[in-house]
Amino acid sequence: MIKEDLDILNKYANNNYSIGGNVKSNDETNYKIIRNYKILKEKSVKELKKLIHMFFHYLINKYESTW
C-alpha cells in the first residue's frame, strides 16, 4: 500500500475508533496507525471486519481502472 492509502485508513480509524488526543512525533501518521490498530484489537471482530471491508472497497474502487 502507498502512504496515501494508509492515510485514508488512518483517517477512517481516527474518526471511528480513536481515543482522542494529538500526539506530536517525527512520524505521527505511522504512530497513529499503530495506536489505532492497538485500539482496534480491543474492539469487536465485527467492527474490525467492517473497517477492513470498507478499506478494500476503497482500494478496489481506486485501482480497478488500472487492472
PDB file of N, CA and C in Angstrom:
ATOM      1  N   MET A   1       0.843  -1.187   0.000  1.00  0.00           N
ATOM      2  CA  MET A   1       0.000   0.000   0.000  1.00  0.00           C
ATOM      3  C   MET A   1       0.880   1.237   0.000  1.00  0.00           C
ATOM      4  N   ILE A   2       0.377   2.257  -0.618  1.00  0.00           N
ATOM      5  CA  ILE A   2       1.115   3.506  -0.627  1.00  0.00           C
ATOM      6  C   ILE A   2       0.670   4.378   0.545  1.00  0.00           C
ATOM      7  N   LYS A   3       1.485   5.384   0.849  1.00  0.00           N
ATOM      8  CA  LYS A   3       1.225   6.235   2.013  1.00  0.00           C
ATOM      9  C   LYS A   3      -0.174   6.852   1.971  1.00  0.00           C
ATOM     10  N   GLU A   4      -0.613   7.269   0.797  1.00  0.00           N
ATOM     11  CA  GLU A   4      -1.938   7.881   0.669  1.00  0.00           C
ATOM     12  C   GLU A   4      -3.046   6.920   1.115  1.00  0.00           C
ATOM     13  N   ASP A   5      -2.910   5.653   0.758  1.00  0.00           N
ATOM     14  CA  ASP A   5      -3.903   4.661   1.161  1.00  0.00           C
ATOM     15  C   ASP A   5      -3.902   4.459   2.674  1.00  0.00           C
ATOM     16  N   LEU A   6      -2.710   4.431   3.249  1.00  0.00           N
ATOM     17  CA  LEU A   6      -2.621   4.288   4.703  1.00  0.00           C
ATOM     18  C   LEU A   6      -3.205   5.505   5.402  1.00  0.00           C
ATOM     19  N   ASP A   7      -3.037   6.674   4.816  1.00  0.00           N
ATOM     20  CA  ASP A   7      -3.625   7.875   5.407  1.00  0.00           C
ATOM     21  C   ASP A   7      -5.146   7.798   5.417  1.00  0.00           C
ATOM     22  N   ILE A   8      -5.730   7.244   4.340  1.00  0.00           N
ATOM     23  CA  ILE A   8      -7.183   7.092   4.292  1.00  0.00           C
ATOM     24  C   ILE A   8      -7.644   6.126   5.390  1.00  0.00           C
ATOM     25  N   LEU A   9      -6.937   5.009   5.526  1.00  0.00           N
ATOM     26  CA  LEU A   9      -7.279   4.044   6.568  1.00  0.00           C
ATOM     27  C   LEU A   9      -7.142   4.688   7.949  1.00  0.00           C
ATOM     28  N   ASN A  10      -6.066   5.432   8.139  1.00  0.00           N
ATOM     29  CA  ASN A  10      -5.837   6.088   9.423  1.00  0.00           C
ATOM     30  C   ASN A  10      -6.924   7.107   9.722  1.00  0.00           C
ATOM     31  N   LYS A  11      -7.333   7.853   8.702  1.00  0.00           N
ATOM     32  CA  LYS A  11      -8.388   8.849   8.892  1.00  0.00           C
ATOM     33  C   LYS A  11      -9.696   8.169   9.308  1.00  0.00           C
ATOM     34  N   TYR A  12     -10.024   7.065   8.644  1.00  0.00           N
ATOM     35  CA  TYR A  12     -11.246   6.340   8.998  1.00  0.00           C
ATOM     36  C   TYR A  12     -11.159   5.813  10.431  1.00  0.00           C
ATOM     37  N   ALA A  13     -10.020   5.233  10.761  1.00  0.00           N
ATOM     38  CA  ALA A  13      -9.846   4.680  12.104  1.00  0.00           C
ATOM     39  C   ALA A  13      -9.912   5.789  13.154  1.00  0.00           C
ATOM     40  N   ASN A  14      -9.308   6.935  12.871  1.00  0.00           N
ATOM     41  CA  ASN A  14      -9.357   8.057  13.810  1.00  0.00           C
ATOM     42  C   ASN A  14     -10.785   8.524  14.025  1.00  0.00           C
ATOM     43  N   ASN A  15     -11.557   8.609  12.949  1.00  0.00           N
ATOM     44  CA  ASN A  15     -12.913   9.135  13.047  1.00  0.00           C
ATOM     45  C   ASN A  15     -13.852   8.189  13.786  1.00  0.00           C
ATOM     46  N   ASN A  16     -13.539   6.907  13.789  1.00  0.00           N
ATOM     47  CA  ASN A  16     -14.474   5.944  14.342  1.00  0.00           C
ATOM     48  C   ASN A  16     -14.010   5.259  15.622  1.00  0.00           C
ATOM     49  N   TYR A  17     -12.712   5.169  15.826  1.00  0.00           N
ATOM     50  CA  TYR A  17     -12.229   4.351  16.934  1.00  0.00           C
ATOM     51  C   TYR A  17     -11.201   5.040  17.824  1.00  0.00           C
ATOM     52  N   SER A  18     -10.782   6.236  17.484  1.00  0.00           N
ATOM     53  CA  SER A  18      -9.696   6.871  18.228  1.00  0.00           C
ATOM     54  C   SER A  18     -10.122   7.239  19.637  1.00  0.00           C
ATOM     55  N   ILE A  19      -9.182   7.109  20.554  1.00  0.00           N
ATOM     56  CA  ILE A  19      -9.441   7.532  21.926  1.00  0.00           C
ATOM     57  C   ILE A  19      -9.171   9.022  22.078  1.00  0.00           C
ATOM     58  N   GLY A  20      -8.714   9.658  21.015  1.00  0.00           N
ATOM     59  CA  GLY A  20      -8.511  11.100  21.036  1.00  0.00           C
ATOM     60  C   GLY A  20      -7.107  11.471  21.451  1.00  0.00           C
ATOM     61  N   GLY A  21      -6.843  12.770  21.399  1.00  0.00           N
ATOM     62  CA  GLY A  21      -5.533  13.283  21.764  1.00  0.00           C
ATOM     63  C   GLY A  21      -4.656  13.438  20.548  1.00  0.00           C
ATOM     64  N   ASN A  22      -3.896  14.504  20.553  1.00  0.00           N
ATOM     65  CA  ASN A  22      -2.978  14.759  19.446  1.00  0.00           C
ATOM     66  C   ASN A  22      -1.560  14.444  19.894  1.00  0.00           C
ATOM     67  N   VAL A  23      -0.936  13.512  19.202  1.00  0.00           N
ATOM     68  CA  VAL A  23       0.426  13.117  19.525  1.00  0.00           C
ATOM     69  C   VAL A  23       1.345  13.709  18.479  1.00  0.00           C
ATOM     70  N   LYS A  24       2.341  14.432  18.939  1.00  0.00           N
ATOM     71  CA  LYS A  24       3.307  15.028  18.021  1.00  0.00           C
ATOM     72  C   LYS A  24       4.582  14.187  18.045  1.00  0.00           C
ATOM     73  N   SER A  25       4.996  13.749  16.873  1.00  0.00           N
ATOM     74  CA  SER A  25       6.239  12.997  16.773  1.00  0.00           C
ATOM     75  C   SER A  25       6.785  13.180  15.370  1.00  0.00           C
ATOM     76  N   ASN A  26       7.972  12.667  15.139  1.00  0.00           N
ATOM     77  CA  ASN A  26       8.578  12.768  13.815  1.00  0.00           C
ATOM     78  C   ASN A  26       7.799  11.974  12.781  1.00  0.00           C
ATOM     79  N   ASP A  27       7.158  10.917  13.218  1.00  0.00           N
ATOM     80  CA  ASP A  27       6.415  10.060  12.296  1.00  0.00           C
ATOM     81  C   ASP A  27       5.007   9.883  12.841  1.00  0.00           C
ATOM     82  N   GLU A  28       4.284  10.978  12.928  1.00  0.00           N
ATOM     83  CA  GLU A  28       2.985  11.000  13.588  1.00  0.00           C
ATOM     84  C   GLU A  28       1.972  10.078  12.916  1.00  0.00           C
ATOM     85  N   THR A  29       1.977  10.039  11.592  1.00  0.00           N
ATOM     86  CA  THR A  29       0.996   9.212  10.883  1.00  0.00           C
ATOM     87  C   THR A  29       1.167   7.745  11.227  1.00  0.00           C
ATOM     88  N   ASN A  30       2.389   7.245  11.158  1.00  0.00           N
ATOM     89  CA  ASN A  30       2.613   5.834  11.480  1.00  0.00           C
ATOM     90  C   ASN A  30       2.300   5.543  12.935  1.00  0.00           C
ATOM     91  N   TYR A  31       2.618   6.479  13.812  1.00  0.00           N
ATOM     92  CA  TYR A  31       2.296   6.282  15.225  1.00  0.00           C
ATOM     93  C   TYR A  31       0.786   6.150  15.417  1.00  0.00           C
ATOM     94  N   LYS A  32       0.029   7.016  14.749  1.00  0.00           N
ATOM     95  CA  LYS A  32      -1.426   6.964  14.885  1.00  0.00           C
ATOM     96  C   LYS A  32      -1.983   5.661  14.328  1.00  0.00           C
ATOM     97  N   ILE A  33      -1.427   5.198  13.210  1.00  0.00           N
ATOM     98  CA  ILE A  33      -1.897   3.937  12.630  1.00  0.00           C
ATOM     99  C   ILE A  33      -1.650   2.795  13.610  1.00  0.00           C
ATOM    100  N   ILE A  34      -0.461   2.749  14.182  1.00  0.00           N
ATOM    101  CA  ILE A  34      -0.146   1.699  15.154  1.00  0.00           C
ATOM    102  C   ILE A  34      -1.068   1.818  16.363  1.00  0.00           C
ATOM    103  N   ARG A  35      -1.255   3.044  16.857  1.00  0.00           N
ATOM    104  CA  ARG A  35      -2.123   3.257  18.018  1.00  0.00           C
ATOM    105  C   ARG A  35      -3.551   2.812  17.704  1.00  0.00           C
ATOM    106  N   ASN A  36      -4.029   3.166  16.517  1.00  0.00           N
ATOM    107  CA  ASN A  36      -5.394   2.799  16.158  1.00  0.00           C
ATOM    108  C   ASN A  36      -5.564   1.290  16.025  1.00  0.00           C
ATOM    109  N   TYR A  37      -4.551   0.592  15.489  1.00  0.00           N
ATOM    110  CA  TYR A  37      -4.658  -0.859  15.409  1.00  0.00           C
ATOM    111  C   TYR A  37      -4.647  -1.479  16.796  1.00  0.00           C
ATOM    112  N   LYS A  38      -3.890  -0.895  17.720  1.00  0.00           N
ATOM    113  CA  LYS A  38      -3.905  -1.401  19.094  1.00  0.00           C
ATOM    114  C   LYS A  38      -5.290  -1.217  19.696  1.00  0.00           C
ATOM    115  N   ILE A  39      -5.904  -0.071  19.415  1.00  0.00           N
ATOM    116  CA  ILE A  39      -7.260   0.184  19.909  1.00  0.00           C
ATOM    117  C   ILE A  39      -8.241  -0.788  19.245  1.00  0.00           C
ATOM    118  N   LEU A  40      -8.085  -0.974  17.930  1.00  0.00           N
ATOM    119  CA  LEU A  40      -8.995  -1.861  17.209  1.00  0.00           C
ATOM    120  C   LEU A  40      -8.920  -3.296  17.724  1.00  0.00           C
ATOM    121  N   LYS A  41      -7.734  -3.717  18.152  1.00  0.00           N
ATOM    122  CA  LYS A  41      -7.594  -5.075  18.671  1.00  0.00           C
ATOM    123  C   LYS A  41      -8.484  -5.286  19.885  1.00  0.00           C
ATOM    124  N   GLU A  42      -8.796  -4.207  20.582  1.00  0.00           N
ATOM    125  CA  GLU A  42      -9.638  -4.303  21.765  1.00  0.00           C
ATOM    126  C   GLU A  42     -11.123  -4.222  21.411  1.00  0.00           C
ATOM    127  N   LYS A  43     -11.440  -3.851  20.187  1.00  0.00           N
ATOM    128  CA  LYS A  43     -12.831  -3.740  19.752  1.00  0.00           C
ATOM    129  C   LYS A  43     -13.327  -5.091  19.268  1.00  0.00           C
ATOM    130  N   SER A  44     -14.584  -5.159  18.943  1.00  0.00           N
ATOM    131  CA  SER A  44     -15.156  -6.424  18.491  1.00  0.00           C
ATOM    132  C   SER A  44     -14.654  -6.783  17.100  1.00  0.00           C
ATOM    133  N   VAL A  45     -14.693  -8.062  16.815  1.00  0.00           N
ATOM    134  CA  VAL A  45     -14.294  -8.564  15.498  1.00  0.00           C
ATOM    135  C   VAL A  45     -15.188  -7.963  14.418  1.00  0.00           C
ATOM    136  N   LYS A  46     -16.443  -7.757  14.737  1.00  0.00           N
ATOM    137  CA  LYS A  46     -17.388  -7.190  13.768  1.00  0.00           C
ATOM    138  C   LYS A  46     -16.948  -5.799  13.314  1.00  0.00           C
ATOM    139  N   GLU A  47     -16.521  -4.957  14.240  1.00  0.00           N
ATOM    140  CA  GLU A  47     -16.069  -3.613  13.884  1.00  0.00           C
ATOM    141  C   GLU A  47     -14.807  -3.668  13.038  1.00  0.00           C
ATOM    142  N   LEU A  48     -13.895  -4.563  13.373  1.00  0.00           N
ATOM    143  CA  LEU A  48     -12.665  -4.695  12.609  1.00  0.00           C
ATOM    144  C   LEU A  48     -12.955  -5.189  11.190  1.00  0.00           C
ATOM    145  N   LYS A  49     -13.868  -6.155  11.066  1.00  0.00           N
ATOM    146  CA  LYS A  49     -14.249  -6.640   9.738  1.00  0.00           C
ATOM    147  C   LYS A  49     -14.861  -5.522   8.902  1.00  0.00           C
ATOM    148  N   LYS A  50     -15.662  -4.671   9.535  1.00  0.00           N
ATOM    149  CA  LYS A  50     -16.274  -3.548   8.831  1.00  0.00           C
ATOM    150  C   LYS A  50     -15.204  -2.596   8.299  1.00  0.00           C
ATOM    151  N   LEU A  51     -14.213  -2.289   9.124  1.00  0.00           N
ATOM    152  CA  LEU A  51     -13.132  -1.402   8.711  1.00  0.00           C
ATOM    153  C   LEU A  51     -12.370  -1.991   7.527  1.00  0.00           C
ATOM    154  N   ILE A  52     -12.025  -3.273   7.615  1.00  0.00           N
ATOM    155  CA  ILE A  52     -11.274  -3.929   6.545  1.00  0.00           C
ATOM    156  C   ILE A  52     -12.111  -3.982   5.271  1.00  0.00           C
ATOM    157  N   HIS A  53     -13.386  -4.313   5.403  1.00  0.00           N
ATOM    158  CA  HIS A  53     -14.290  -4.381   4.258  1.00  0.00           C
ATOM    159  C   HIS A  53     -14.366  -3.033   3.538  1.00  0.00           C
ATOM    160  N   MET A  54     -14.559  -1.959   4.312  1.00  0.00           N
ATOM    161  CA  MET A  54     -14.662  -0.634   3.711  1.00  0.00           C
ATOM    162  C   MET A  54     -13.346  -0.228   3.055  1.00  0.00           C
ATOM    163  N   PHE A  55     -12.225  -0.578   3.678  1.00  0.00           N
ATOM    164  CA  PHE A  55     -10.928  -0.205   3.110  1.00  0.00           C
ATOM    165  C   PHE A  55     -10.668  -0.955   1.809  1.00  0.00           C
ATOM    166  N   PHE A  56     -11.039  -2.229   1.742  1.00  0.00           N
ATOM    167  CA  PHE A  56     -10.854  -2.964   0.490  1.00  0.00           C
ATOM    168  C   PHE A  56     -11.753  -2.423  -0.611  1.00  0.00           C
ATOM    169  N   HIS A  57     -12.959  -2.002  -0.269  1.00  0.00           N
ATOM    170  CA  HIS A  57     -13.808  -1.360  -1.277  1.00  0.00           C
ATOM    171  C   HIS A  57     -13.165  -0.074  -1.780  1.00  0.00           C
ATOM    172  N   TYR A  58     -12.572   0.678  -0.880  1.00  0.00           N
ATOM    173  CA  TYR A  58     -11.857   1.893  -1.289  1.00  0.00           C
ATOM    174  C   TYR A  58     -10.724   1.546  -2.260  1.00  0.00           C
ATOM    175  N   LEU A  59      -9.918   0.529  -1.925  1.00  0.00           N
ATOM    176  CA  LEU A  59      -8.801   0.153  -2.794  1.00  0.00           C
ATOM    177  C   LEU A  59      -9.284  -0.347  -4.151  1.00  0.00           C
ATOM    178  N   ILE A  60     -10.335  -1.161  -4.150  1.00  0.00           N
ATOM    179  CA  ILE A  60     -10.873  -1.691  -5.406  1.00  0.00           C
ATOM    180  C   ILE A  60     -11.367  -0.546  -6.286  1.00  0.00           C
ATOM    181  N   ASN A  61     -12.127   0.367  -5.706  1.00  0.00           N
ATOM    182  CA  ASN A  61     -12.637   1.490  -6.490  1.00  0.00           C
ATOM    183  C   ASN A  61     -11.513   2.371  -7.010  1.00  0.00           C
ATOM    184  N   LYS A  62     -10.472   2.527  -6.227  1.00  0.00           N
ATOM    185  CA  LYS A  62      -9.370   3.396  -6.626  1.00  0.00           C
ATOM    186  C   LYS A  62      -8.547   2.779  -7.757  1.00  0.00           C
ATOM    187  N   TYR A  63      -8.300   1.463  -7.677  1.00  0.00           N
ATOM    188  CA  TYR A  63      -7.338   0.842  -8.588  1.00  0.00           C
ATOM    189  C   TYR A  63      -7.955  -0.027  -9.677  1.00  0.00           C
ATOM    190  N   GLU A  64      -9.278  -0.209  -9.713  1.00  0.00           N
ATOM    191  CA  GLU A  64      -9.853  -1.141 -10.675  1.00  0.00           C
ATOM    192  C   GLU A  64      -9.626  -0.713 -12.120  1.00  0.00           C
ATOM    193  N   SER A  65      -9.512   0.574 -12.365  1.00  0.00           N
ATOM    194  CA  SER A  65      -9.293   1.031 -13.742  1.00  0.00           C
ATOM    195  C   SER A  65      -7.876   0.729 -14.226  1.00  0.00           C
ATOM    196  N   THR A  66      -6.966   0.427 -13.296  1.00  0.00           N
ATOM    197  CA  THR A  66      -5.582   0.137 -13.697  1.00  0.00           C
ATOM    198  C   THR A  66      -5.321  -1.351 -13.833  1.00  0.00           C
ATOM    199  N   TRP A  67      -6.316  -2.202 -13.515  1.00  0.00           N
ATOM    200  CA  TRP A  67      -6.102  -3.645 -13.590  1.00  0.00           C
ATOM    201  C   TRP A  67      -6.254  -4.146 -14.987  1.00  0.00           C
TER     202      TRP A  67
END
